[in-house]
PDB file of N, CA and C in Angstrom:
ATOM      1  N   MET A   1      -0.803  18.292 -16.033  1.00  0.00           N
ATOM      2  CA  MET A   1      -1.276  16.578 -16.570  1.00  0.00           C
ATOM      3  C   MET A   1      -2.542  16.019 -16.548  1.00  0.00           C
ATOM      4  N   ARG A   2      -3.190  15.332 -17.456  1.00  0.00           N
ATOM      5  CA  ARG A   2      -4.749  15.090 -17.823  1.00  0.00           C
ATOM      6  C   ARG A   2      -4.499  13.650 -16.818  1.00  0.00           C
ATOM      7  N   THR A   3      -5.020  12.965 -15.741  1.00  0.00           N
ATOM      8  CA  THR A   3      -4.873  11.892 -15.492  1.00  0.00           C
ATOM      9  C   THR A   3      -6.355  10.862 -15.896  1.00  0.00           C
ATOM     10  N   SER A   4      -6.132   9.703 -15.907  1.00  0.00           N
ATOM     11  CA  SER A   4      -7.390   9.192 -15.897  1.00  0.00           C
ATOM     12  C   SER A   4      -8.109   8.685 -14.490  1.00  0.00           C
ATOM     13  N   LYS A   5      -9.512   8.082 -14.667  1.00  0.00           N
ATOM     14  CA  LYS A   5      -9.867   8.413 -13.215  1.00  0.00           C
ATOM     15  C   LYS A   5      -9.547   7.299 -12.722  1.00  0.00           C
ATOM     16  N   ASN A   6      -8.847   6.247 -12.987  1.00  0.00           N
ATOM     17  CA  ASN A   6      -8.365   5.009 -11.987  1.00  0.00           C
ATOM     18  C   ASN A   6      -7.245   5.849 -11.297  1.00  0.00           C
ATOM     19  N   ALA A   7      -6.025   6.326 -12.329  1.00  0.00           N
ATOM     20  CA  ALA A   7      -4.969   6.757 -11.734  1.00  0.00           C
ATOM     21  C   ALA A   7      -5.351   7.692 -10.575  1.00  0.00           C
ATOM     22  N   ARG A   8      -6.447   8.766 -10.797  1.00  0.00           N
ATOM     23  CA  ARG A   8      -6.616   9.744  -9.752  1.00  0.00           C
ATOM     24  C   ARG A   8      -7.293   8.971  -8.348  1.00  0.00           C
ATOM     25  N   SER A   9      -7.629   8.105  -8.615  1.00  0.00           N
ATOM     26  CA  SER A   9      -8.468   7.976  -7.365  1.00  0.00           C
ATOM     27  C   SER A   9      -7.155   6.551  -6.366  1.00  0.00           C
ATOM     28  N   PHE A  10      -6.220   6.377  -7.694  1.00  0.00           N
ATOM     29  CA  PHE A  10      -4.579   5.709  -6.666  1.00  0.00           C
ATOM     30  C   PHE A  10      -4.058   6.915  -5.922  1.00  0.00           C
ATOM     31  N   ILE A  11      -3.905   8.225  -6.563  1.00  0.00           N
ATOM     32  CA  ILE A  11      -3.303   9.557  -6.443  1.00  0.00           C
ATOM     33  C   ILE A  11      -3.668  10.341  -5.135  1.00  0.00           C
ATOM     34  N   TYR A  12      -5.552  10.387  -5.286  1.00  0.00           N
ATOM     35  CA  TYR A  12      -6.048  11.024  -3.920  1.00  0.00           C
ATOM     36  C   TYR A  12      -6.694   9.889  -3.272  1.00  0.00           C
ATOM     37  N   GLN A  13      -6.780   9.616  -1.690  1.00  0.00           N
ATOM     38  CA  GLN A  13      -7.106   8.709  -0.716  1.00  0.00           C
ATOM     39  C   GLN A  13      -7.965   9.634  -0.216  1.00  0.00           C
ATOM     40  N   GLY A  14      -9.688   9.898  -0.447  1.00  0.00           N
ATOM     41  CA  GLY A  14     -10.057  11.092   0.561  1.00  0.00           C
ATOM     42  C   GLY A  14     -10.538  12.311  -0.171  1.00  0.00           C
ATOM     43  N   GLY A  15      -9.996  12.215  -1.095  1.00  0.00           N
ATOM     44  CA  GLY A  15      -9.760  14.196  -1.536  1.00  0.00           C
ATOM     45  C   GLY A  15      -8.843  14.684  -1.246  1.00  0.00           C
ATOM     46  N   THR A  16      -7.513  13.907  -0.512  1.00  0.00           N
ATOM     47  CA  THR A  16      -6.489  14.515  -0.455  1.00  0.00           C
ATOM     48  C   THR A  16      -4.848  14.037  -0.561  1.00  0.00           C
ATOM     49  N   PRO A  17      -4.285  15.101  -1.497  1.00  0.00           N
ATOM     50  CA  PRO A  17      -3.225  14.189  -2.098  1.00  0.00           C
ATOM     51  C   PRO A  17      -2.353  13.021  -1.020  1.00  0.00           C
ATOM     52  N   VAL A  18      -1.881  12.357  -2.066  1.00  0.00           N
ATOM     53  CA  VAL A  18      -1.131  10.698  -1.069  1.00  0.00           C
ATOM     54  C   VAL A  18      -0.072  11.300   0.009  1.00  0.00           C
ATOM     55  N   LYS A  19      -0.161  10.888   1.057  1.00  0.00           N
ATOM     56  CA  LYS A  19       1.510  11.291   1.258  1.00  0.00           C
ATOM     57  C   LYS A  19       2.939   9.925   1.148  1.00  0.00           C
ATOM     58  N   CYS A  20       3.878  10.318   1.344  1.00  0.00           N
ATOM     59  CA  CYS A  20       4.576   9.544   1.098  1.00  0.00           C
ATOM     60  C   CYS A  20       5.170   8.709   2.551  1.00  0.00           C
ATOM     61  N   ALA A  21       5.416   7.179   2.162  1.00  0.00           N
ATOM     62  CA  ALA A  21       5.423   6.340   3.611  1.00  0.00           C
ATOM     63  C   ALA A  21       6.247   6.776   3.935  1.00  0.00           C
ATOM     64  N   ARG A  22       7.644   7.170   3.478  1.00  0.00           N
ATOM     65  CA  ARG A  22       8.884   7.048   3.857  1.00  0.00           C
ATOM     66  C   ARG A  22       8.986   8.271   4.811  1.00  0.00           C
ATOM     67  N   CYS A  23       8.979   9.452   4.712  1.00  0.00           N
ATOM     68  CA  CYS A  23       8.805  10.961   4.911  1.00  0.00           C
ATOM     69  C   CYS A  23       7.833  11.787   4.764  1.00  0.00           C
ATOM     70  N   SER A  24       6.274  11.426   4.410  1.00  0.00           N
ATOM     71  CA  SER A  24       5.506  12.128   4.628  1.00  0.00           C
ATOM     72  C   SER A  24       5.346  13.351   3.900  1.00  0.00           C
ATOM     73  N   GLY A  25       6.137  13.428   2.749  1.00  0.00           N
ATOM     74  CA  GLY A  25       6.396  14.548   1.542  1.00  0.00           C
ATOM     75  C   GLY A  25       4.968  13.883   0.510  1.00  0.00           C
ATOM     76  N   LEU A  26       5.087  15.045  -0.727  1.00  0.00           N
ATOM     77  CA  LEU A  26       3.964  14.806  -1.654  1.00  0.00           C
ATOM     78  C   LEU A  26       4.462  13.963  -2.369  1.00  0.00           C
ATOM     79  N   MET A  27       3.048  12.986  -2.897  1.00  0.00           N
ATOM     80  CA  MET A  27       3.444  11.875  -3.908  1.00  0.00           C
ATOM     81  C   MET A  27       2.957  12.805  -5.143  1.00  0.00           C
ATOM     82  N   VAL A  28       3.760  12.994  -6.009  1.00  0.00           N
ATOM     83  CA  VAL A  28       3.583  12.961  -7.529  1.00  0.00           C
ATOM     84  C   VAL A  28       3.349  12.099  -8.664  1.00  0.00           C
ATOM     85  N   VAL A  29       2.353  12.091  -9.742  1.00  0.00           N
ATOM     86  CA  VAL A  29       2.630  11.136 -10.576  1.00  0.00           C
ATOM     87  C   VAL A  29       3.497  11.429 -11.539  1.00  0.00           C
ATOM     88  N   ASP A  30       4.296  10.194 -12.228  1.00  0.00           N
ATOM     89  CA  ASP A  30       5.761   9.870 -12.719  1.00  0.00           C
ATOM     90  C   ASP A  30       5.345   8.579 -13.627  1.00  0.00           C
ATOM     91  N   HIS A  31       5.704   9.014 -14.941  1.00  0.00           N
ATOM     92  CA  HIS A  31       5.614   7.998 -15.764  1.00  0.00           C
ATOM     93  C   HIS A  31       6.911   6.635 -15.343  1.00  0.00           C
ATOM     94  N   LEU A  32       7.283   5.567 -15.049  1.00  0.00           N
ATOM     95  CA  LEU A  32       8.340   4.838 -15.062  1.00  0.00           C
ATOM     96  C   LEU A  32       8.538   4.144 -16.218  1.00  0.00           C
ATOM     97  N   LEU A  33      10.052   3.754 -16.083  1.00  0.00           N
ATOM     98  CA  LEU A  33      10.385   2.755 -17.463  1.00  0.00           C
ATOM     99  C   LEU A  33      10.364   1.334 -16.556  1.00  0.00           C
ATOM    100  N   ASP A  34      10.643   0.299 -17.188  1.00  0.00           N
ATOM    101  CA  ASP A  34      10.594  -1.048 -16.541  1.00  0.00           C
ATOM    102  C   ASP A  34      11.613  -1.160 -17.464  1.00  0.00           C
ATOM    103  N   MET A  35      12.286  -1.523 -17.402  1.00  0.00           N
ATOM    104  CA  MET A  35      13.185  -2.391 -18.491  1.00  0.00           C
ATOM    105  C   MET A  35      14.089  -3.035 -18.056  1.00  0.00           C
ATOM    106  N   GLN A  36      13.919  -3.786 -17.021  1.00  0.00           N
ATOM    107  CA  GLN A  36      14.274  -4.820 -16.301  1.00  0.00           C
ATOM    108  C   GLN A  36      13.578  -6.365 -16.434  1.00  0.00           C
ATOM    109  N   GLU A  37      12.454  -6.444 -15.885  1.00  0.00           N
ATOM    110  CA  GLU A  37      11.565  -7.700 -15.418  1.00  0.00           C
ATOM    111  C   GLU A  37      10.861  -8.030 -16.902  1.00  0.00           C
ATOM    112  N   SER A  38      10.731  -6.604 -17.854  1.00  0.00           N
ATOM    113  CA  SER A  38      10.192  -7.687 -19.473  1.00  0.00           C
ATOM    114  C   SER A  38      11.112  -7.715 -20.405  1.00  0.00           C
ATOM    115  N   TRP A  39      10.815  -8.175 -21.095  1.00  0.00           N
ATOM    116  CA  TRP A  39      11.742  -8.550 -22.461  1.00  0.00           C
ATOM    117  C   TRP A  39      11.906  -7.507 -22.716  1.00  0.00           C
ATOM    118  N   MET A  40      10.575  -6.692 -23.279  1.00  0.00           N
ATOM    119  CA  MET A  40      10.731  -5.204 -24.255  1.00  0.00           C
ATOM    120  C   MET A  40      10.616  -4.036 -22.886  1.00  0.00           C
ATOM    121  N   PRO A  41      10.970  -2.510 -22.886  1.00  0.00           N
ATOM    122  CA  PRO A  41      10.702  -2.037 -22.193  1.00  0.00           C
ATOM    123  C   PRO A  41       8.993  -1.524 -22.000  1.00  0.00           C
ATOM    124  N   MET A  42       8.789  -1.062 -20.517  1.00  0.00           N
ATOM    125  CA  MET A  42       7.316  -0.778 -20.487  1.00  0.00           C
ATOM    126  C   MET A  42       7.017  -0.028 -19.752  1.00  0.00           C
ATOM    127  N   TRP A  43       6.209   1.222 -19.901  1.00  0.00           N
ATOM    128  CA  TRP A  43       5.830   2.466 -19.297  1.00  0.00           C
ATOM    129  C   TRP A  43       4.663   2.262 -18.671  1.00  0.00           C
ATOM    130  N   MET A  44       4.679   2.300 -16.954  1.00  0.00           N
ATOM    131  CA  MET A  44       3.542   2.231 -16.068  1.00  0.00           C
ATOM    132  C   MET A  44       3.686   3.759 -15.234  1.00  0.00           C
ATOM    133  N   ARG A  45       2.354   3.841 -14.889  1.00  0.00           N
ATOM    134  CA  ARG A  45       2.017   5.019 -14.121  1.00  0.00           C
ATOM    135  C   ARG A  45       2.540   5.005 -12.517  1.00  0.00           C
ATOM    136  N   GLY A  46       3.064   5.718 -12.126  1.00  0.00           N
ATOM    137  CA  GLY A  46       3.096   5.658 -10.312  1.00  0.00           C
ATOM    138  C   GLY A  46       3.506   6.793  -9.754  1.00  0.00           C
ATOM    139  N   LEU A  47       3.593   6.762  -8.376  1.00  0.00           N
ATOM    140  CA  LEU A  47       4.109   7.653  -7.649  1.00  0.00           C
ATOM    141  C   LEU A  47       5.536   8.254  -7.361  1.00  0.00           C
ATOM    142  N   ARG A  48       5.568   9.462  -7.042  1.00  0.00           N
ATOM    143  CA  ARG A  48       7.416   9.294  -6.935  1.00  0.00           C
ATOM    144  C   ARG A  48       6.699  10.583  -5.379  1.00  0.00           C
ATOM    145  N   CYS A  49       7.910  10.453  -4.866  1.00  0.00           N
ATOM    146  CA  CYS A  49       8.294  11.126  -3.762  1.00  0.00           C
ATOM    147  C   CYS A  49       8.815  12.416  -4.097  1.00  0.00           C
ATOM    148  N   VAL A  50       8.388  13.851  -3.865  1.00  0.00           N
ATOM    149  CA  VAL A  50       9.016  14.966  -4.543  1.00  0.00           C
ATOM    150  C   VAL A  50      10.013  15.091  -3.427  1.00  0.00           C
ATOM    151  N   ALA A  51       9.769  14.846  -2.245  1.00  0.00           N
ATOM    152  CA  ALA A  51      11.547  15.027  -0.815  1.00  0.00           C
ATOM    153  C   ALA A  51      12.476  14.061  -1.030  1.00  0.00           C
ATOM    154  N   CYS A  52      12.065  12.400  -0.766  1.00  0.00           N
ATOM    155  CA  CYS A  52      12.595  11.511  -0.871  1.00  0.00           C
ATOM    156  C   CYS A  52      13.040  10.678  -2.195  1.00  0.00           C
ATOM    157  N   GLY A  53      12.241  10.999  -3.173  1.00  0.00           N
ATOM    158  CA  GLY A  53      12.351   9.923  -4.224  1.00  0.00           C
ATOM    159  C   GLY A  53      11.717   8.965  -4.091  1.00  0.00           C
ATOM    160  N   ASN A  54      10.929   8.518  -3.307  1.00  0.00           N
ATOM    161  CA  ASN A  54      10.764   7.147  -2.990  1.00  0.00           C
ATOM    162  C   ASN A  54       9.325   6.492  -4.209  1.00  0.00           C
ATOM    163  N   ILE A  55       9.441   5.683  -4.844  1.00  0.00           N
ATOM    164  CA  ILE A  55       8.508   5.261  -5.707  1.00  0.00           C
ATOM    165  C   ILE A  55       7.738   4.273  -5.380  1.00  0.00           C
ATOM    166  N   GLU A  56       6.544   4.532  -5.839  1.00  0.00           N
ATOM    167  CA  GLU A  56       5.202   3.369  -5.378  1.00  0.00           C
ATOM    168  C   GLU A  56       4.257   3.717  -6.836  1.00  0.00           C
ATOM    169  N   ASP A  57       4.112   2.343  -7.232  1.00  0.00           N
ATOM    170  CA  ASP A  57       3.384   1.723  -8.026  1.00  0.00           C
ATOM    171  C   ASP A  57       2.140   1.051  -8.027  1.00  0.00           C
ATOM    172  N   PRO A  58       1.041   0.722  -8.716  1.00  0.00           N
ATOM    173  CA  PRO A  58       0.002  -0.016  -8.159  1.00  0.00           C
ATOM    174  C   PRO A  58       0.305  -1.459  -7.383  1.00  0.00           C
ATOM    175  N   LEU A  59       1.397  -2.077  -8.516  1.00  0.00           N
ATOM    176  CA  LEU A  59       1.697  -3.382  -7.565  1.00  0.00           C
ATOM    177  C   LEU A  59       2.022  -3.275  -6.234  1.00  0.00           C
ATOM    178  N   ILE A  60       3.219  -2.158  -6.038  1.00  0.00           N
ATOM    179  CA  ILE A  60       3.903  -2.237  -4.938  1.00  0.00           C
ATOM    180  C   ILE A  60       2.515  -1.408  -3.675  1.00  0.00           C
ATOM    181  N   HIS A  61       1.847  -0.537  -4.129  1.00  0.00           N
ATOM    182  CA  HIS A  61       0.795  -0.371  -3.101  1.00  0.00           C
ATOM    183  C   HIS A  61       0.238  -1.660  -3.037  1.00  0.00           C
ATOM    184  N   TYR A  62      -0.315  -2.595  -3.833  1.00  0.00           N
ATOM    185  CA  TYR A  62      -0.988  -3.462  -3.548  1.00  0.00           C
ATOM    186  C   TYR A  62      -0.330  -4.496  -2.506  1.00  0.00           C
ATOM    187  N   ASN A  63       0.990  -4.714  -2.910  1.00  0.00           N
ATOM    188  CA  ASN A  63       1.718  -5.342  -2.186  1.00  0.00           C
ATOM    189  C   ASN A  63       1.659  -4.870  -0.183  1.00  0.00           C
ATOM    190  N   ARG A  64       1.889  -3.452  -0.325  1.00  0.00           N
ATOM    191  CA  ARG A  64       2.035  -3.255   1.169  1.00  0.00           C
ATOM    192  C   ARG A  64       0.748  -3.323   1.982  1.00  0.00           C
ATOM    193  N   MET A  65      -0.076  -3.450   0.884  1.00  0.00           N
ATOM    194  CA  MET A  65      -1.731  -3.336   1.872  1.00  0.00           C
ATOM    195  C   MET A  65      -1.565  -4.637   2.144  1.00  0.00           C
ATOM    196  N   MET A  66      -1.020  -5.698   1.340  1.00  0.00           N
ATOM    197  CA  MET A  66      -1.232  -7.745   1.448  1.00  0.00           C
ATOM    198  C   MET A  66      -0.399  -7.265   2.921  1.00  0.00           C
ATOM    199  N   HIS A  67       0.769  -7.059   2.765  1.00  0.00           N
ATOM    200  CA  HIS A  67       1.544  -7.268   3.658  1.00  0.00           C
ATOM    201  C   HIS A  67       1.106  -6.904   5.597  1.00  0.00           C
ATOM    202  N   GLU A  68      -0.052  -5.502   5.454  1.00  0.00           N
ATOM    203  CA  GLU A  68      -0.130  -5.049   6.488  1.00  0.00           C
ATOM    204  C   GLU A  68      -1.545  -6.187   7.086  1.00  0.00           C
ATOM    205  N   ALA A  69      -2.123  -6.516   6.120  1.00  0.00           N
ATOM    206  CA  ALA A  69      -3.435  -7.722   6.188  1.00  0.00           C
ATOM    207  C   ALA A  69      -2.899  -8.661   6.868  1.00  0.00           C
ATOM    208  N   ARG A  70      -1.902  -9.310   6.136  1.00  0.00           N
ATOM    209  CA  ARG A  70      -1.140 -10.286   6.568  1.00  0.00           C
ATOM    210  C   ARG A  70      -0.905 -10.556   8.653  1.00  0.00           C
ATOM    211  N   LYS A  71      -0.214  -9.488   8.421  1.00  0.00           N
ATOM    212  CA  LYS A  71       0.466  -8.759   9.588  1.00  0.00           C
ATOM    213  C   LYS A  71      -0.913  -8.733  10.549  1.00  0.00           C
ATOM    214  N   THR A  72      -2.118  -7.752  10.714  1.00  0.00           N
ATOM    215  CA  THR A  72      -2.792  -7.677  11.056  1.00  0.00           C
ATOM    216  C   THR A  72      -3.707  -9.130  11.667  1.00  0.00           C
ATOM    217  N   ARG A  73      -3.810  -9.880  11.160  1.00  0.00           N
ATOM    218  CA  ARG A  73      -4.251 -11.366  11.161  1.00  0.00           C
ATOM    219  C   ARG A  73      -3.430 -12.111  12.150  1.00  0.00           C
ATOM    220  N   ARG A  74      -1.958 -12.085  11.525  1.00  0.00           N
ATOM    221  CA  ARG A  74      -1.198 -12.717  12.805  1.00  0.00           C
ATOM    222  C   ARG A  74      -1.542 -11.869  13.993  1.00  0.00           C
ATOM    223  N   ARG A  75      -1.338 -10.746  14.088  1.00  0.00           N
ATOM    224  CA  ARG A  75      -1.505 -10.192  15.682  1.00  0.00           C
ATOM    225  C   ARG A  75      -2.724 -10.693  16.092  1.00  0.00           C
ATOM    226  N   LEU A  76      -3.905 -10.549  15.570  1.00  0.00           N
ATOM    227  CA  LEU A  76      -4.840 -11.127  15.957  1.00  0.00           C
ATOM    228  C   LEU A  76      -5.369 -12.511  16.682  1.00  0.00           C
ATOM    229  N   SER A  77      -4.724 -13.335  15.706  1.00  0.00           N
ATOM    230  CA  SER A  77      -4.307 -14.843  16.028  1.00  0.00           C
ATOM    231  C   SER A  77      -4.000 -14.813  17.388  1.00  0.00           C
ATOM    232  N   ARG A  78      -2.992 -13.954  17.754  1.00  0.00           N
ATOM    233  CA  ARG A  78      -2.046 -14.583  18.716  1.00  0.00           C
ATOM    234  C   ARG A  78      -2.747 -14.368  20.607  1.00  0.00           C
ATOM    235  N   VAL A  79      -3.680 -13.289  20.128  1.00  0.00           N
ATOM    236  CA  VAL A  79      -4.390 -12.962  21.253  1.00  0.00           C
ATOM    237  C   VAL A  79      -5.363 -13.948  21.838  1.00  0.00           C
ATOM    238  N   VAL A  80      -4.897 -14.676  22.898  1.00  0.00           N
ATOM    239  CA  VAL A  80      -5.346 -15.676  23.560  1.00  0.00           C
ATOM    240  C   VAL A  80      -6.749 -15.313  24.070  1.00  0.00           C
ATOM    241  N   GLN A  81      -7.982 -16.742  23.466  1.00  0.00           N
ATOM    242  CA  GLN A  81      -9.516 -16.339  24.488  1.00  0.00           C
ATOM    243  C   GLN A  81      -9.859 -16.729  25.231  1.00  0.00           C
ATOM    244  N   PRO A  82      -9.588 -16.166  26.162  1.00  0.00           N
ATOM    245  CA  PRO A  82     -10.008 -17.333  27.659  1.00  0.00           C
ATOM    246  C   PRO A  82     -11.014 -18.376  27.518  1.00  0.00           C
ATOM    247  N   VAL A  83     -10.564 -19.719  27.941  1.00  0.00           N
ATOM    248  CA  VAL A  83     -11.336 -20.591  27.500  1.00  0.00           C
ATOM    249  C   VAL A  83     -12.387 -21.077  28.984  1.00  0.00           C
ATOM    250  N   LEU A  84     -13.575 -20.708  28.433  1.00  0.00           N
ATOM    251  CA  LEU A  84     -14.567 -20.675  29.661  1.00  0.00           C
ATOM    252  C   LEU A  84     -15.367 -22.107  29.740  1.00  0.00           C
ATOM    253  N   ARG A  85     -15.124 -22.211  31.180  1.00  0.00           N
ATOM    254  CA  ARG A  85     -15.421 -23.482  31.999  1.00  0.00           C
ATOM    255  C   ARG A  85     -16.699 -23.815  32.583  1.00  0.00           C
ATOM    256  N   PRO A  86     -17.460 -25.102  32.838  1.00  0.00           N
ATOM    257  CA  PRO A  86     -19.006 -24.560  33.672  1.00  0.00           C
ATOM    258  C   PRO A  86     -18.131 -24.844  35.054  1.00  0.00           C
ATOM    259  N   ALA A  87     -19.247 -23.990  35.597  1.00  0.00           N
ATOM    260  CA  ALA A  87     -18.971 -23.947  37.112  1.00  0.00           C
ATOM    261  C   ALA A  87     -19.156 -25.366  37.672  1.00  0.00           C
ATOM    262  N   GLU A  88     -18.108 -25.425  38.591  1.00  0.00           N
ATOM    263  CA  GLU A  88     -17.853 -27.100  39.476  1.00  0.00           C
ATOM    264  C   GLU A  88     -18.848 -27.174  40.668  1.00  0.00           C
ATOM    265  N   ALA A  89     -19.617 -28.107  40.616  1.00  0.00           N
ATOM    266  CA  ALA A  89     -20.862 -28.618  41.573  1.00  0.00           C
ATOM    267  C   ALA A  89     -19.741 -28.540  42.913  1.00  0.00           C
ATOM    268  N   ALA A  90     -20.397 -28.711  44.368  1.00  0.00           N
ATOM    269  CA  ALA A  90     -19.817 -28.582  45.423  1.00  0.00           C
ATOM    270  C   ALA A  90     -20.043 -29.771  46.054  1.00  0.00           C
TER     271      ALA A  90
END
């Protein structure tokens, strides 16, 4: 199967195939048909896990990355910085 440069960058991260987030299985390119979210059927390219059937398209991938970034930001904001006060004169 021939893939475009953008699809290849989505499939491979750092030269190795993408692993499934659910089971760490092999993800392969699949053509997905979205019949529910649009007024006419829409084809798109995504990844499907060979082992468990988990599907990930570019939108799902983007939303997961944004969720992780928000989670990290929240975690970092909870870290309490110690308040430095000037030394008191005796």
